[in-house]
Protein backbone atom coordinates (compact mmCIF):
# COMPACT_ATOMS: atom_id res chain seq x y z
CA MET A 1 -1.21 14.27 -59.21
CA LYS A 2 -3.78 17.05 -59.29
CA TRP A 3 -2.00 20.30 -60.10
CA SER A 4 -1.88 23.54 -62.07
CA LYS A 5 0.90 25.98 -62.90
CA LEU A 6 0.99 29.42 -64.48
CA SER A 7 3.59 32.11 -65.11
CA HIS A 8 3.29 35.67 -66.39
CA VAL A 9 5.94 38.24 -67.32
CA GLY A 10 4.00 40.99 -65.49
CA ARG A 11 3.35 44.55 -66.62
CA VAL A 12 6.86 46.01 -66.26
CA ARG A 13 9.58 43.45 -67.07
CA LYS A 14 10.56 42.59 -70.65
CA ASN A 15 11.77 39.07 -69.86
CA ASN A 16 10.26 36.39 -67.66
CA GLU A 17 13.13 35.20 -65.46
CA ASP A 18 10.81 32.90 -63.46
CA ASN A 19 10.56 29.20 -64.21
CA CYS A 20 8.45 26.42 -62.76
CA CYS A 21 8.01 22.70 -63.20
CA VAL A 22 5.76 19.82 -62.19
CA CYS A 23 7.20 16.31 -62.63
CA ASP A 24 4.48 13.69 -62.20
CA ASP A 25 6.97 10.83 -62.27
CA LEU A 26 8.88 12.30 -59.32
CA GLN A 27 5.85 13.91 -57.63
CA LEU A 28 7.91 17.11 -57.64
CA LEU A 29 6.74 20.72 -57.80
CA ALA A 30 9.13 23.67 -58.05
CA VAL A 31 9.36 27.39 -58.75
CA ALA A 32 12.45 29.53 -59.38
CA ASP A 33 13.01 33.27 -59.71
CA GLY A 34 16.22 34.07 -61.57
CA MET A 35 18.46 37.11 -61.31
CA GLY A 36 21.53 38.48 -63.02
CA GLY A 37 22.63 40.34 -66.15
CA HIS A 38 21.18 40.16 -69.64
CA LYS A 39 18.93 37.05 -69.68
CA ALA A 40 21.15 35.44 -67.02
CA GLY A 41 18.21 35.16 -64.63
CA GLU A 42 16.08 33.06 -66.95
CA VAL A 43 19.10 30.87 -67.72
CA ALA A 44 19.81 30.36 -64.01
CA SER A 45 16.22 29.49 -63.07
CA LYS A 46 15.80 27.00 -65.93
CA LEU A 47 19.22 25.45 -65.37
CA ALA A 48 18.52 24.97 -61.65
CA LEU A 49 15.13 23.31 -62.12
CA ASP A 50 16.37 21.08 -64.93
CA ASP A 51 19.31 20.00 -62.80
CA ILE A 52 17.23 19.34 -59.68
CA SER A 53 14.72 17.17 -61.54
CA GLY A 54 17.49 15.40 -63.45
CA TYR A 55 19.48 14.70 -60.30
CA LEU A 56 16.44 13.24 -58.55
CA ARG A 57 15.64 11.00 -61.52
CA ASN A 58 19.19 9.70 -61.50
CA ASN A 59 19.14 9.07 -57.75
CA SER A 60 15.72 7.52 -57.16
CA ALA A 61 17.10 5.16 -54.51
CA ILE A 62 18.07 8.12 -52.31
CA ILE A 63 14.56 9.57 -52.63
CA GLU A 64 12.98 6.40 -51.28
CA GLU A 65 15.54 6.11 -48.48
CA ASP A 66 15.60 9.75 -47.39
CA PRO A 67 13.47 12.26 -49.40
CA ALA A 68 14.71 15.27 -47.43
CA GLU A 69 18.36 14.40 -48.01
CA ALA A 70 17.68 13.71 -51.69
CA LEU A 71 16.24 17.21 -52.07
CA ARG A 72 19.15 18.78 -50.18
CA MET A 73 21.67 16.99 -52.39
CA ALA A 74 19.76 17.95 -55.56
CA PHE A 75 19.79 21.63 -54.52
CA ARG A 76 23.50 21.53 -53.76
CA HIS A 77 24.19 19.90 -57.11
CA ALA A 78 22.13 22.57 -58.88
CA ASN A 79 24.02 25.28 -56.98
CA THR A 80 27.32 23.92 -58.27
CA MET A 81 25.99 23.70 -61.83
CA VAL A 82 24.70 27.29 -61.88
CA TYR A 83 27.80 28.65 -60.16
CA GLU A 84 30.18 26.91 -62.56
CA TYR A 85 28.09 27.95 -65.56
CA ALA A 86 28.39 31.59 -64.49
CA GLN A 87 32.17 31.29 -64.17
CA GLN A 88 32.44 30.47 -67.89
CA ASP A 89 31.63 34.10 -68.75
CA ARG A 90 31.77 36.30 -65.66
CA GLU A 91 30.98 39.47 -67.56
CA LYS A 92 27.88 38.10 -69.29
CA PHE A 93 26.58 36.19 -66.25
CA ARG A 94 27.60 38.59 -63.48
CA GLY A 95 25.25 38.24 -60.51
CA MET A 96 23.67 35.12 -61.98
CA GLY A 97 21.62 33.12 -59.52
CA THR A 98 18.11 32.03 -58.68
CA THR A 99 15.73 31.32 -55.85
CA VAL A 100 14.29 27.80 -55.77
CA THR A 101 11.45 26.40 -53.71
CA ALA A 102 10.55 22.76 -54.38
CA ALA A 103 8.14 20.24 -52.87
CA LEU A 104 8.48 16.48 -53.04
CA ILE A 105 5.30 14.52 -52.21
CA ARG A 106 5.61 11.09 -50.65
CA GLY A 107 2.25 9.62 -49.63
CA GLU A 108 0.90 11.61 -46.69
CA ARG A 109 4.16 13.51 -46.27
CA ILE A 110 5.53 16.53 -48.10
CA TYR A 111 9.16 17.65 -48.12
CA VAL A 112 9.91 21.27 -49.02
CA ALA A 113 13.40 22.51 -49.93
CA HIS A 114 14.00 26.23 -50.08
CA VAL A 115 16.67 28.81 -50.97
CA GLY A 116 15.78 32.47 -51.51
CA ASP A 117 12.46 34.30 -51.17
CA SER A 118 10.10 32.24 -53.30
CA ARG A 119 7.54 30.67 -50.99
CA ALA A 120 5.56 27.55 -50.13
CA TYR A 121 2.17 27.60 -48.38
CA LEU A 122 -0.09 24.88 -47.04
CA VAL A 123 -3.83 25.59 -47.17
CA ARG A 124 -6.12 23.33 -45.13
CA CYS A 125 -9.83 24.20 -45.05
CA SER A 126 -9.93 27.84 -43.93
CA THR A 127 -6.37 28.07 -42.60
CA ILE A 128 -3.09 28.86 -44.34
CA LYS A 129 0.44 28.19 -43.14
CA LEU A 130 3.62 29.68 -44.59
CA LEU A 131 6.10 26.80 -44.78
CA THR A 132 9.19 28.79 -45.78
CA SER A 133 11.14 31.72 -44.35
CA ASP A 134 12.49 34.28 -46.82
CA HIS A 135 16.27 34.40 -47.13
CA SER A 136 16.28 38.18 -47.46
CA LEU A 137 17.87 41.12 -45.70
CA VAL A 138 14.50 42.58 -44.76
CA ASN A 139 13.26 39.30 -43.28
CA GLU A 140 16.42 39.06 -41.15
CA LEU A 141 15.82 42.59 -39.88
CA LEU A 142 12.19 41.72 -39.20
CA MET A 143 13.10 38.55 -37.32
CA ASN A 144 15.63 40.30 -35.06
CA GLY A 145 13.21 43.11 -34.26
CA SER A 146 14.94 45.87 -36.24
CA LEU A 147 11.87 46.38 -38.44
CA THR A 148 8.13 46.25 -37.91
CA GLN A 149 5.93 44.29 -40.33
CA GLU A 150 4.70 47.54 -41.87
CA GLU A 151 8.26 48.84 -42.32
CA ALA A 152 9.30 45.52 -43.86
CA GLU A 153 6.51 45.63 -46.44
CA ASN A 154 7.68 49.01 -47.74
CA HIS A 155 11.44 48.71 -47.25
CA PRO A 156 13.58 49.89 -50.23
CA GLN A 157 15.86 46.83 -49.91
CA LYS A 158 12.99 44.35 -49.84
CA ASN A 159 14.40 42.36 -52.76
CA VAL A 160 17.95 41.95 -51.42
CA LEU A 161 18.58 38.24 -50.90
CA THR A 162 20.90 36.73 -48.31
CA ARG A 163 20.93 33.32 -49.97
CA ALA A 164 20.42 32.10 -53.54
CA ILE A 165 21.31 29.18 -55.81
CA GLY A 166 24.45 29.75 -57.88
CA THR A 167 25.81 32.97 -56.38
CA THR A 168 28.44 31.23 -54.24
CA ALA A 169 30.31 27.93 -54.49
CA SER A 170 28.21 26.32 -51.74
CA VAL A 171 24.77 26.93 -50.27
CA ASP A 172 22.72 26.07 -47.19
CA VAL A 173 19.35 24.53 -47.97
CA ASP A 174 16.32 24.78 -45.67
CA ILE A 175 14.17 21.64 -45.48
CA VAL A 176 10.65 21.53 -44.05
CA GLU A 177 8.55 18.39 -43.57
CA GLU A 178 4.76 18.38 -43.14
CA ASN A 179 1.96 15.84 -42.98
CA ILE A 180 -0.75 16.38 -45.59
CA ILE A 181 -4.32 15.11 -45.76
CA LYS A 182 -6.88 14.78 -48.54
CA GLY A 183 -7.96 18.20 -49.80
CA ASP A 184 -4.85 20.07 -48.64
CA ILE A 185 -3.54 22.57 -51.18
CA ILE A 186 0.17 23.29 -51.56
CA ILE A 187 1.03 26.62 -53.18
CA LEU A 188 4.49 27.50 -54.46
CA CYS A 189 5.05 31.02 -55.80
CA THR A 190 7.65 33.64 -56.61
CA ASP A 191 7.70 37.03 -54.93
CA GLY A 192 5.87 38.57 -57.87
CA LEU A 193 2.77 37.08 -56.25
CA SER A 194 3.64 37.16 -52.53
CA ASN A 195 4.63 40.84 -52.68
CA MET A 196 1.24 41.74 -54.14
CA VAL A 197 -1.15 39.34 -52.41
CA ASN A 198 -1.00 38.86 -48.64
CA LEU A 199 -1.15 35.63 -46.66
CA GLU A 200 -4.83 35.86 -45.77
CA GLU A 201 -5.85 36.64 -49.36
CA ILE A 202 -3.88 33.69 -50.70
CA GLY A 203 -5.57 31.39 -48.17
CA GLU A 204 -9.04 32.74 -48.92
CA MET A 205 -8.64 32.43 -52.68
CA ALA A 206 -7.20 28.91 -52.51
CA GLY A 207 -10.04 27.82 -50.22
CA GLU A 208 -12.88 29.13 -52.38
CA GLY A 209 -13.38 25.77 -54.08
CA ASP A 210 -12.42 26.85 -57.59
CA SER A 211 -10.48 24.47 -59.79
CA LEU A 212 -6.71 24.71 -59.41
CA GLY A 213 -6.51 26.21 -62.89
CA ASP A 214 -9.03 28.91 -62.02
CA ALA A 215 -7.23 29.62 -58.73
CA ALA A 216 -3.90 30.03 -60.56
CA ARG A 217 -5.47 32.48 -63.02
CA HIS A 218 -7.08 34.45 -60.20
CA PHE A 219 -3.73 34.73 -58.41
CA ILE A 220 -2.03 36.07 -61.54
CA GLU A 221 -4.89 38.50 -62.24
CA MET A 222 -4.81 39.89 -58.71
CA ALA A 223 -1.05 40.49 -58.85
CA LEU A 224 -1.44 42.18 -62.25
CA ASP A 225 -4.31 44.35 -61.01
CA ARG A 226 -2.05 45.59 -58.19
CA GLY A 227 0.73 46.65 -60.51
CA GLY A 228 2.39 43.47 -61.75
CA ASP A 229 5.83 45.04 -61.38
CA ASP A 230 7.60 41.67 -61.36
CA ASN A 231 7.33 38.28 -63.03
CA ILE A 232 4.57 36.20 -61.41
CA THR A 233 4.61 32.43 -61.08
CA VAL A 234 2.42 30.02 -59.11
CA VAL A 235 2.15 26.24 -58.84
CA LEU A 236 -0.75 24.57 -57.01
CA TYR A 237 -1.15 20.96 -55.92
CA GLN A 238 -4.10 19.31 -54.17
CA ALA A 239 -3.68 16.14 -52.13
CA ASP A 240 -6.07 13.31 -53.00
């Protein structure tokens, strides 16, 4: 696998509640943006990613039979783990939860599982496609016509999620499947990047021909230059 990943605490936050992982053995990429009380967010995001990768390793037969269902089951298992962990100390872990966006590569096919407002993009030559739909209050208002795109970008409740891992006993998981070809770039990121760098800019930067490592650094630098008011995490993969 040809990949790069990078995370930065940003210019405002004291803790980095984002987590990310790349598992070559599983051909799995994932990002998570945690939330909750004192350090609960970073616990939730790490716990979720560890559980998803561990579940998939322990259920490799399901991956080969049905990759989409394997991802869905892994997310649901992680949701239960984070939710039950939070119940052990409700005061300490009040509001504990995390977004997760993960991609499982199988040959010329990619399977993306998604809960929350972290995102997945597919860049092919000079075009970019957003593969996920934010599970947020503002996105719901945008989709039903209650807000314009400009109003959505500046809405005071922009960070209010309608779905997350670990905040309720069960969770619905979105699954997207796409064909990929040689040279395609998959980008996973938390909203610390997507809130600062727009769709077209992400596509342009990914398509400039830089190494994946350079592209990841440029993404982080751009988000920081524009304020860096949140943790910033990006994972890039290029199909070969």
